[in-house]
């Protein structure tokens, strides 16, 4: 195929604009679609070399059906959500295997001991963990918004993580509910179950707010070189 039938840099930018026009807001998904469309258009030109860029683009776009890119966006969101739910489960399970299970047992012991001494100590310990996680969630949200404003790019992986991590402060609700039901008079088995439940909540939120974002950053950096440049700037 001669040079007149290869996608130019200017046409690549037109493809990015085309995806944005059709409601694809995430840069990582835009990049995947642009790469797919560029290859499809070049293949189309091999068969029909007289087609203009716009004609070839419209032919390939029609293959996405009446909903255009919307179905692709939904499928990608579902796939990434499923992937990160799996990562969360793998990371969570690791805290119940050696050597991390020792940390889990220690946390349960701290919560249980604080409950047996006085619920006030338990509340202080729990609130300290709660505010640390809430601060992390706020930090992550502010950082995400500032970077999106600075670069003009949104990344689907990051926003999926933020939506999960944004529920961090919700871990306070089960504590308040249990406290209301028992009115701070926890039986021994209740103390143990509460300690286990809240340890599990804290581990889950730690994974959501610390472990998974680091894994996502590694993936984005490896897949999209421009993502690494954005985080360095």
Protein backbone atom coordinates (compact mmCIF):
# COMPACT_ATOMS: atom_id res chain seq x y z
CA UNK A 1 0.00 0.00 0.00
CA UNK A 2 1.49 3.35 -0.96
CA UNK A 3 1.95 6.30 1.38
CA UNK A 4 -1.22 8.06 0.18
CA UNK A 5 -3.22 5.23 1.71
CA UNK A 6 -1.71 5.21 5.18
CA UNK A 7 -3.19 7.02 8.12
CA UNK A 8 -1.41 10.31 8.72
CA UNK A 9 -0.73 11.96 12.08
CA UNK A 10 -3.38 14.56 11.26
CA UNK A 11 -5.93 11.83 10.55
CA UNK A 12 -5.05 10.14 13.84
CA UNK A 13 -5.98 13.37 15.60
CA UNK A 14 -9.21 13.45 13.60
CA UNK A 15 -9.96 9.94 14.85
CA UNK A 16 -9.43 11.04 18.44
CA UNK A 17 -11.78 13.98 17.85
CA UNK A 18 -14.28 11.58 16.26
CA UNK A 19 -14.31 9.32 19.33
CA UNK A 20 -14.79 12.31 21.63
CA UNK A 21 -17.65 13.55 19.45
CA UNK A 22 -19.31 10.16 19.88
CA UNK A 23 -19.21 10.27 23.69
CA UNK A 24 -16.00 8.37 24.42
CA UNK A 25 -14.54 10.48 27.23
CA UNK A 26 -11.77 8.17 28.44
CA UNK A 27 -8.37 8.55 26.80
CA UNK A 28 -7.35 4.91 27.28
CA UNK A 29 -10.50 3.74 25.47
CA UNK A 30 -10.11 6.46 22.83
CA UNK A 31 -6.61 5.15 22.12
CA UNK A 32 -7.83 1.58 21.69
CA UNK A 33 -10.64 2.68 19.36
CA UNK A 34 -8.35 4.96 17.33
CA UNK A 35 -5.88 2.11 16.84
CA UNK A 36 -8.69 -0.23 15.79
CA UNK A 37 -10.26 2.30 13.41
CA UNK A 38 -6.90 3.28 11.86
CA UNK A 39 -6.06 -0.34 11.07
CA UNK A 40 -9.56 -0.97 9.71
CA UNK A 41 -9.41 2.11 7.45
CA UNK A 42 -6.01 1.11 6.06
CA UNK A 43 -7.36 -2.40 5.37
CA UNK A 44 -10.39 -0.82 3.68
CA UNK A 45 -8.11 1.28 1.46
CA UNK A 46 -6.37 -1.87 0.27
CA UNK A 47 -9.72 -3.09 -1.04
CA UNK A 48 -11.10 0.29 -2.13
CA UNK A 49 -8.20 2.69 -2.74
CA UNK A 50 -10.45 5.41 -4.16
CA UNK A 51 -12.30 6.00 -0.92
CA UNK A 52 -11.60 9.23 0.97
CA UNK A 53 -10.67 9.13 4.65
CA UNK A 54 -14.14 10.31 5.70
CA UNK A 55 -15.87 7.72 3.52
CA UNK A 56 -13.72 4.90 4.90
CA UNK A 57 -14.28 6.16 8.44
CA UNK A 58 -18.06 6.17 8.07
CA UNK A 59 -18.04 2.65 6.63
CA UNK A 60 -16.04 1.34 9.58
CA UNK A 61 -18.06 3.29 12.13
CA UNK A 62 -21.31 1.75 10.85
CA UNK A 63 -19.97 -1.64 11.90
CA UNK A 64 -20.45 -0.58 15.53
CA UNK A 65 -24.23 -0.52 15.03
CA UNK A 66 -26.89 2.04 15.86
CA UNK A 67 -25.47 2.75 19.32
CA UNK A 68 -22.03 3.53 17.94
CA UNK A 69 -19.25 3.35 20.53
CA UNK A 70 -21.61 3.24 23.52
CA UNK A 71 -21.76 -0.54 23.58
CA UNK A 72 -17.94 -0.68 23.44
CA UNK A 73 -17.70 1.72 26.41
CA UNK A 74 -20.16 -0.37 28.44
CA UNK A 75 -18.39 -3.63 27.60
CA UNK A 76 -15.03 -2.13 28.53
CA UNK A 77 -16.36 -0.83 31.85
CA UNK A 78 -17.82 -4.24 32.68
CA UNK A 79 -14.58 -6.01 31.73
CA UNK A 80 -12.40 -3.64 33.79
CA UNK A 81 -14.77 -3.76 36.77
CA UNK A 82 -14.67 -7.56 36.67
CA UNK A 83 -10.87 -7.49 36.40
CA UNK A 84 -10.47 -5.20 39.38
CA UNK A 85 -13.00 -7.10 41.49
CA UNK A 86 -10.83 -10.15 40.87
CA UNK A 87 -7.69 -8.23 41.86
CA UNK A 88 -9.42 -7.04 45.04
CA UNK A 89 -10.39 -10.60 45.95
CA UNK A 90 -6.86 -11.93 45.30
CA UNK A 91 -5.32 -9.15 47.42
CA UNK A 92 -7.91 -9.63 50.19
CA UNK A 93 -7.38 -13.39 50.29
CA UNK A 94 -3.63 -12.84 50.69
CA UNK A 95 -4.28 -11.30 54.14
CA UNK A 96 -5.58 -14.68 55.30
CA UNK A 97 -2.50 -16.58 54.11
CA UNK A 98 1.02 -16.64 55.54
CA UNK A 99 2.74 -14.32 56.26
CA UNK A 100 0.04 -11.59 56.06
CA UNK A 101 -2.39 -13.56 58.20
CA UNK A 102 -0.20 -12.64 61.18
CA UNK A 103 -1.04 -8.97 60.57
CA UNK A 104 -4.74 -9.84 60.23
CA UNK A 105 -4.72 -11.73 63.53
CA UNK A 106 -2.91 -8.82 65.18
CA UNK A 107 -5.57 -6.36 63.98
CA UNK A 108 -8.37 -8.60 65.18
CA UNK A 109 -6.59 -8.89 68.53
CA UNK A 110 -6.24 -5.11 68.85
CA UNK A 111 -9.92 -4.53 68.13
CA UNK A 112 -11.02 -7.37 70.39
CA UNK A 113 -8.80 -6.25 73.26
CA UNK A 114 -9.96 -2.66 72.97
CA UNK A 115 -13.57 -3.87 73.13
CA UNK A 116 -12.95 -5.95 76.25
CA UNK A 117 -11.29 -3.01 78.01
CA UNK A 118 -13.79 -0.36 77.01
CA UNK A 119 -15.75 0.50 73.85
CA UNK A 120 -14.31 4.03 74.06
CA UNK A 121 -10.80 2.74 73.32
CA UNK A 122 -12.21 0.68 70.49
CA UNK A 123 -13.95 3.75 69.09
CA UNK A 124 -10.72 5.76 69.21
CA UNK A 125 -8.75 3.02 67.42
CA UNK A 126 -11.44 2.57 64.81
CA UNK A 127 -11.91 6.30 64.22
CA UNK A 128 -8.16 6.72 63.71
CA UNK A 129 -8.25 4.06 60.99
CA UNK A 130 -11.43 5.56 59.53
CA UNK A 131 -9.98 9.08 59.22
CA UNK A 132 -6.76 7.73 57.69
CA UNK A 133 -8.77 5.94 54.98
CA UNK A 134 -11.08 8.92 54.46
CA UNK A 135 -8.03 11.20 54.04
CA UNK A 136 -6.62 8.81 51.44
CA UNK A 137 -9.93 8.78 49.54
CA UNK A 138 -10.04 12.60 49.50
CA UNK A 139 -6.40 12.80 48.42
CA UNK A 140 -7.01 10.36 45.58
CA UNK A 141 -10.12 12.26 44.41
CA UNK A 142 -8.37 15.66 44.45
CA UNK A 143 -5.32 14.28 42.64
CA UNK A 144 -7.52 12.67 39.99
CA UNK A 145 -9.49 15.87 39.35
CA UNK A 146 -6.40 18.07 39.20
CA UNK A 147 -4.65 15.78 36.73
CA UNK A 148 -7.74 15.53 34.51
CA UNK A 149 -8.00 19.34 34.47
CA UNK A 150 -4.28 19.78 33.74
CA UNK A 151 -4.02 17.19 30.96
CA UNK A 152 -7.56 17.22 29.58
CA UNK A 153 -7.54 13.41 29.74
CA UNK A 154 -9.65 10.99 31.75
CA UNK A 155 -8.63 7.37 32.27
CA UNK A 156 -11.30 4.72 32.70
CA UNK A 157 -9.19 2.55 34.98
CA UNK A 158 -8.58 5.41 37.38
CA UNK A 159 -12.24 6.37 37.59
CA UNK A 160 -13.35 2.80 38.22
CA UNK A 161 -10.88 2.64 41.11
CA UNK A 162 -12.06 5.98 42.48
CA UNK A 163 -15.69 4.89 42.39
CA UNK A 164 -14.75 1.83 44.45
CA UNK A 165 -12.44 3.74 46.77
CA UNK A 166 -14.99 6.50 47.28
CA UNK A 167 -16.97 4.12 49.49
CA UNK A 168 -14.17 4.09 52.07
CA UNK A 169 -15.96 6.33 54.58
CA UNK A 170 -18.95 3.94 54.43
CA UNK A 171 -17.06 1.53 56.70
CA UNK A 172 -18.11 3.75 59.59
CA UNK A 173 -21.78 2.84 59.12
CA UNK A 174 -21.64 -0.85 60.14
CA UNK A 175 -19.75 0.16 63.28
CA UNK A 176 -22.44 2.68 64.22
CA UNK A 177 -25.19 0.16 63.46
CA UNK A 178 -23.66 -2.55 65.66
CA UNK A 179 -22.99 -0.01 68.40
CA UNK A 180 -26.64 1.08 68.27
CA UNK A 181 -27.94 -2.50 68.44
CA UNK A 182 -25.78 -3.51 71.40
CA UNK A 183 -25.65 -0.09 73.10
CA UNK A 184 -21.96 -0.75 73.86
CA UNK A 185 -22.81 -3.90 75.90
CA UNK A 186 -21.19 -6.43 73.60
CA UNK A 187 -21.28 -10.12 74.61
CA UNK A 188 -18.00 -12.01 74.20
CA UNK A 189 -18.99 -13.57 70.88
CA UNK A 190 -20.27 -10.20 69.71
CA UNK A 191 -16.93 -8.61 70.54
CA UNK A 192 -15.06 -11.22 68.54
CA UNK A 193 -17.40 -11.03 65.54
CA UNK A 194 -17.26 -7.23 65.56
CA UNK A 195 -13.46 -7.29 65.70
CA UNK A 196 -13.32 -9.73 62.76
CA UNK A 197 -15.90 -7.81 60.70
CA UNK A 198 -14.24 -4.43 61.15
CA UNK A 199 -10.79 -5.87 60.46
CA UNK A 200 -12.17 -7.25 57.19
CA UNK A 201 -13.68 -3.84 56.33
CA UNK A 202 -10.41 -2.04 57.02
CA UNK A 203 -8.37 -4.53 54.98
CA UNK A 204 -10.82 -4.24 52.10
CA UNK A 205 -10.60 -0.44 52.09
CA UNK A 206 -6.81 -0.54 52.40
CA UNK A 207 -6.69 -2.72 49.29
CA UNK A 208 -9.10 -0.41 47.42
CA UNK A 209 -7.29 2.80 48.34
CA UNK A 210 -3.62 1.71 48.34
CA UNK A 211 -2.94 -1.66 46.70
CA UNK A 212 -5.18 -1.52 43.61
CA UNK A 213 -4.28 2.07 42.57
CA UNK A 214 -0.60 1.07 42.55
CA UNK A 215 -1.35 -1.96 40.37
CA UNK A 216 -3.44 0.17 37.99
CA UNK A 217 -0.66 2.73 37.69
CA UNK A 218 1.80 -0.01 36.70
CA UNK A 219 -0.64 -1.28 34.05
CA UNK A 220 -1.37 2.16 32.61
CA UNK A 221 2.31 3.11 32.53
CA UNK A 222 3.22 -0.10 30.71
CA UNK A 223 0.35 0.21 28.22
CA UNK A 224 0.31 3.98 27.59
CA UNK A 225 3.73 5.74 27.65
CA UNK A 226 2.00 9.15 27.80
CA UNK A 227 0.46 8.17 31.15
CA UNK A 228 3.94 7.88 32.68
CA UNK A 229 4.84 11.32 31.29
CA UNK A 230 1.69 12.86 32.81
CA UNK A 231 2.53 11.48 36.25
CA UNK A 232 6.07 12.84 36.03
CA UNK A 233 4.93 16.35 35.11
